[in-house]
Each structure stands twice: as structure tokens, then as C-alpha cells.
């Protein structure tokens, strides 16, 4: 999913929530964590724990973000 935006693979409302999560990390300059229920085609819904970390260059400027999502559904 490198270089892709959330709205390319998630419903609009859910993508908006993930984008807000990403923006919070970029604005704060710190990692942000979130647990969210996500609908999955043919499977109902799953719970995911996500973490977004801002990427910073040598000058201390935020240049992007890296994120990971982990299925925590029991």
C-alpha cells in the first residue's frame, strides 16, 4: 500500500477517520495509535490496531508518515 491513500481501499467515512489519524501524527510529530472496527468484505468486521509515525528528515522536518495496522480481532 506504499504511496496509496486510504480512500483507495476503504469506505469514505472510514478513510476519513484514518486520514485524521495520519494528520494527527504529522501535526504532533509523534506516533499516534488507534483501535478501530473495520468492515471486511465477506467477513463482517474486524478490529485493527493502527500506529502512524511521522518520518523526519535531517533538518527535523516532517516529510511523510509510516503506518502499520494489525488485526486484533479475537
N, C-alpha and C. Protein backbone atom coordinates (compact mmCIF):
# COMPACT_ATOMS: atom_id res chain seq x y z
N UNK A 1 0.81 -1.19 0.00
CA UNK A 1 0.00 0.00 0.00
C UNK A 1 0.85 1.26 0.00
N UNK A 2 2.12 1.09 -0.24
CA UNK A 2 3.03 2.24 -0.25
C UNK A 2 2.56 3.26 -1.27
N UNK A 3 2.44 4.51 -0.81
CA UNK A 3 2.08 5.60 -1.69
C UNK A 3 0.59 5.71 -1.98
N UNK A 4 -0.23 4.85 -1.40
CA UNK A 4 -1.67 4.90 -1.64
C UNK A 4 -2.37 5.63 -0.50
N UNK A 5 -3.50 6.22 -0.81
CA UNK A 5 -4.31 6.92 0.18
C UNK A 5 -5.42 5.99 0.65
N UNK A 6 -5.87 6.20 1.88
CA UNK A 6 -6.88 5.33 2.50
C UNK A 6 -8.15 5.21 1.66
N UNK A 7 -8.57 6.28 1.01
CA UNK A 7 -9.82 6.23 0.23
C UNK A 7 -9.73 5.33 -1.00
N UNK A 8 -8.54 4.91 -1.34
CA UNK A 8 -8.38 3.99 -2.48
C UNK A 8 -8.79 2.56 -2.13
N UNK A 9 -8.86 2.23 -0.83
CA UNK A 9 -9.18 0.85 -0.46
C UNK A 9 -10.13 0.74 0.72
N UNK A 10 -10.64 1.86 1.25
CA UNK A 10 -11.58 1.85 2.36
C UNK A 10 -12.82 2.67 2.03
N UNK A 11 -13.96 2.37 2.66
CA UNK A 11 -15.15 3.22 2.50
C UNK A 11 -14.82 4.66 2.93
N UNK A 12 -15.52 5.63 2.35
CA UNK A 12 -15.21 7.05 2.54
C UNK A 12 -15.13 7.47 4.00
N UNK A 13 -16.11 7.12 4.83
CA UNK A 13 -16.12 7.54 6.23
C UNK A 13 -14.93 6.95 6.99
N UNK A 14 -14.64 5.71 6.75
CA UNK A 14 -13.51 5.05 7.41
C UNK A 14 -12.19 5.65 6.94
N UNK A 15 -12.09 5.91 5.65
CA UNK A 15 -10.88 6.54 5.11
C UNK A 15 -10.65 7.90 5.75
N UNK A 16 -11.73 8.66 5.94
CA UNK A 16 -11.63 9.98 6.57
C UNK A 16 -11.07 9.85 7.98
N UNK A 17 -11.52 8.86 8.75
CA UNK A 17 -11.03 8.65 10.11
C UNK A 17 -9.54 8.30 10.11
N UNK A 18 -9.12 7.44 9.17
CA UNK A 18 -7.69 7.10 9.08
C UNK A 18 -6.86 8.30 8.66
N UNK A 19 -7.38 9.12 7.74
CA UNK A 19 -6.66 10.32 7.31
C UNK A 19 -6.49 11.29 8.49
N UNK A 20 -7.53 11.42 9.34
CA UNK A 20 -7.42 12.28 10.52
C UNK A 20 -6.34 11.75 11.46
N UNK A 21 -6.30 10.44 11.61
CA UNK A 21 -5.29 9.77 12.44
C UNK A 21 -3.90 10.08 11.90
N UNK A 22 -3.72 9.96 10.59
CA UNK A 22 -2.43 10.26 9.97
C UNK A 22 -2.06 11.72 10.18
N UNK A 23 -3.02 12.62 9.98
CA UNK A 23 -2.76 14.05 10.11
C UNK A 23 -2.37 14.41 11.54
N UNK A 24 -2.98 13.75 12.51
CA UNK A 24 -2.63 13.99 13.91
C UNK A 24 -1.16 13.66 14.16
N UNK A 25 -0.69 12.57 13.60
CA UNK A 25 0.73 12.19 13.75
C UNK A 25 1.62 13.22 13.08
N UNK A 26 1.25 13.65 11.89
CA UNK A 26 2.07 14.63 11.17
C UNK A 26 2.12 15.96 11.91
N UNK A 27 0.98 16.40 12.44
CA UNK A 27 0.93 17.68 13.15
C UNK A 27 1.66 17.65 14.48
N UNK A 28 1.58 16.52 15.19
CA UNK A 28 2.19 16.44 16.51
C UNK A 28 3.68 16.08 16.45
N UNK A 29 4.08 15.42 15.34
CA UNK A 29 5.46 14.98 15.23
C UNK A 29 5.75 13.75 16.06
N UNK A 30 4.71 13.10 16.58
CA UNK A 30 4.88 11.90 17.40
C UNK A 30 3.99 10.77 16.87
N UNK A 31 4.28 9.56 17.29
CA UNK A 31 3.49 8.40 16.89
C UNK A 31 2.09 8.50 17.50
N UNK A 32 1.11 8.01 16.74
CA UNK A 32 -0.28 8.01 17.18
C UNK A 32 -0.82 6.59 17.02
N UNK A 33 -1.57 6.13 18.01
CA UNK A 33 -2.11 4.77 18.00
C UNK A 33 -3.64 4.83 18.07
N UNK A 34 -4.29 3.86 17.44
CA UNK A 34 -5.74 3.85 17.37
C UNK A 34 -6.23 2.41 17.21
N UNK A 35 -7.36 2.09 17.85
CA UNK A 35 -8.04 0.82 17.60
C UNK A 35 -9.36 1.16 16.92
N UNK A 36 -9.68 0.42 15.85
CA UNK A 36 -10.86 0.75 15.07
C UNK A 36 -11.48 -0.51 14.48
N UNK A 37 -12.82 -0.56 14.48
CA UNK A 37 -13.53 -1.65 13.82
C UNK A 37 -13.65 -1.32 12.34
N UNK A 38 -13.30 -2.28 11.50
CA UNK A 38 -13.26 -2.08 10.05
C UNK A 38 -14.09 -3.16 9.36
N UNK A 39 -15.05 -2.74 8.49
CA UNK A 39 -15.80 -3.74 7.73
C UNK A 39 -14.89 -4.43 6.71
N UNK A 40 -15.00 -5.76 6.61
CA UNK A 40 -14.19 -6.54 5.68
C UNK A 40 -15.15 -7.34 4.80
N UNK A 41 -15.06 -7.16 3.49
CA UNK A 41 -15.97 -7.83 2.55
C UNK A 41 -15.99 -9.34 2.79
N UNK A 42 -17.18 -9.88 2.96
CA UNK A 42 -17.34 -11.31 3.13
C UNK A 42 -16.99 -11.84 4.51
N UNK A 43 -16.55 -10.97 5.42
CA UNK A 43 -16.14 -11.41 6.75
C UNK A 43 -16.80 -10.62 7.87
N UNK A 44 -17.74 -9.76 7.56
CA UNK A 44 -18.32 -8.91 8.60
C UNK A 44 -17.40 -7.77 8.92
N UNK A 45 -16.91 -7.72 10.15
CA UNK A 45 -15.97 -6.66 10.52
C UNK A 45 -14.84 -7.26 11.36
N UNK A 46 -13.74 -6.54 11.41
CA UNK A 46 -12.55 -6.94 12.16
C UNK A 46 -12.10 -5.72 12.96
N UNK A 47 -11.37 -5.96 14.05
CA UNK A 47 -10.78 -4.88 14.83
C UNK A 47 -9.30 -4.77 14.48
N UNK A 48 -8.86 -3.54 14.24
CA UNK A 48 -7.47 -3.29 13.90
C UNK A 48 -6.86 -2.29 14.87
N UNK A 49 -5.62 -2.54 15.23
CA UNK A 49 -4.81 -1.59 15.98
C UNK A 49 -3.87 -0.95 14.96
N UNK A 50 -3.88 0.36 14.88
CA UNK A 50 -3.03 1.04 13.92
C UNK A 50 -2.06 1.98 14.64
N UNK A 51 -0.91 2.15 14.04
CA UNK A 51 0.10 3.09 14.53
C UNK A 51 0.63 3.86 13.34
N UNK A 52 0.73 5.17 13.51
CA UNK A 52 1.29 6.03 12.46
C UNK A 52 2.43 6.82 13.09
N UNK A 53 3.57 6.82 12.41
CA UNK A 53 4.75 7.54 12.89
C UNK A 53 5.20 8.52 11.82
N UNK A 54 5.42 9.78 12.18
CA UNK A 54 5.92 10.74 11.19
C UNK A 54 7.37 10.41 10.80
N UNK A 55 7.69 10.65 9.55
CA UNK A 55 9.05 10.49 9.05
C UNK A 55 9.69 11.88 9.02
N UNK A 56 10.87 11.99 9.58
CA UNK A 56 11.53 13.29 9.74
C UNK A 56 12.89 13.27 9.03
N UNK A 57 13.19 14.33 8.29
CA UNK A 57 14.48 14.39 7.61
C UNK A 57 15.56 14.93 8.55
N UNK A 58 16.77 15.08 8.04
CA UNK A 58 17.91 15.51 8.86
C UNK A 58 17.74 16.92 9.42
N UNK A 59 16.89 17.73 8.79
CA UNK A 59 16.63 19.09 9.27
C UNK A 59 15.49 19.12 10.30
N UNK A 60 14.93 17.96 10.62
CA UNK A 60 13.85 17.90 11.59
C UNK A 60 12.48 18.17 11.01
N UNK A 61 12.39 18.23 9.68
CA UNK A 61 11.12 18.50 9.03
C UNK A 61 10.37 17.18 8.77
N UNK A 62 9.06 17.19 9.03
CA UNK A 62 8.24 16.02 8.76
C UNK A 62 8.05 15.93 7.24
N UNK A 63 8.42 14.80 6.67
CA UNK A 63 8.36 14.62 5.22
C UNK A 63 7.34 13.57 4.78
N UNK A 64 6.74 12.89 5.71
CA UNK A 64 5.76 11.85 5.39
C UNK A 64 5.45 11.05 6.63
N UNK A 65 4.83 9.90 6.43
CA UNK A 65 4.49 9.05 7.57
C UNK A 65 4.61 7.59 7.18
N UNK A 66 4.76 6.77 8.19
CA UNK A 66 4.76 5.32 8.01
C UNK A 66 3.71 4.77 8.97
N UNK A 67 2.90 3.85 8.48
CA UNK A 67 1.84 3.31 9.32
C UNK A 67 1.78 1.79 9.20
N UNK A 68 1.22 1.20 10.24
CA UNK A 68 1.03 -0.24 10.24
C UNK A 68 -0.32 -0.52 10.92
N UNK A 69 -1.00 -1.54 10.41
CA UNK A 69 -2.26 -1.97 11.02
C UNK A 69 -2.15 -3.45 11.33
N UNK A 70 -2.66 -3.82 12.50
CA UNK A 70 -2.58 -5.21 12.93
C UNK A 70 -3.98 -5.67 13.33
N UNK A 71 -4.41 -6.80 12.78
CA UNK A 71 -5.73 -7.36 13.11
C UNK A 71 -5.67 -7.88 14.54
N UNK A 72 -6.50 -7.31 15.43
CA UNK A 72 -6.53 -7.75 16.82
C UNK A 72 -7.86 -8.42 17.17
N UNK A 73 -8.63 -8.78 16.15
CA UNK A 73 -9.89 -9.46 16.37
C UNK A 73 -9.62 -10.80 17.04
N UNK A 74 -10.37 -11.11 18.09
CA UNK A 74 -10.19 -12.41 18.75
C UNK A 74 -10.78 -13.51 17.91
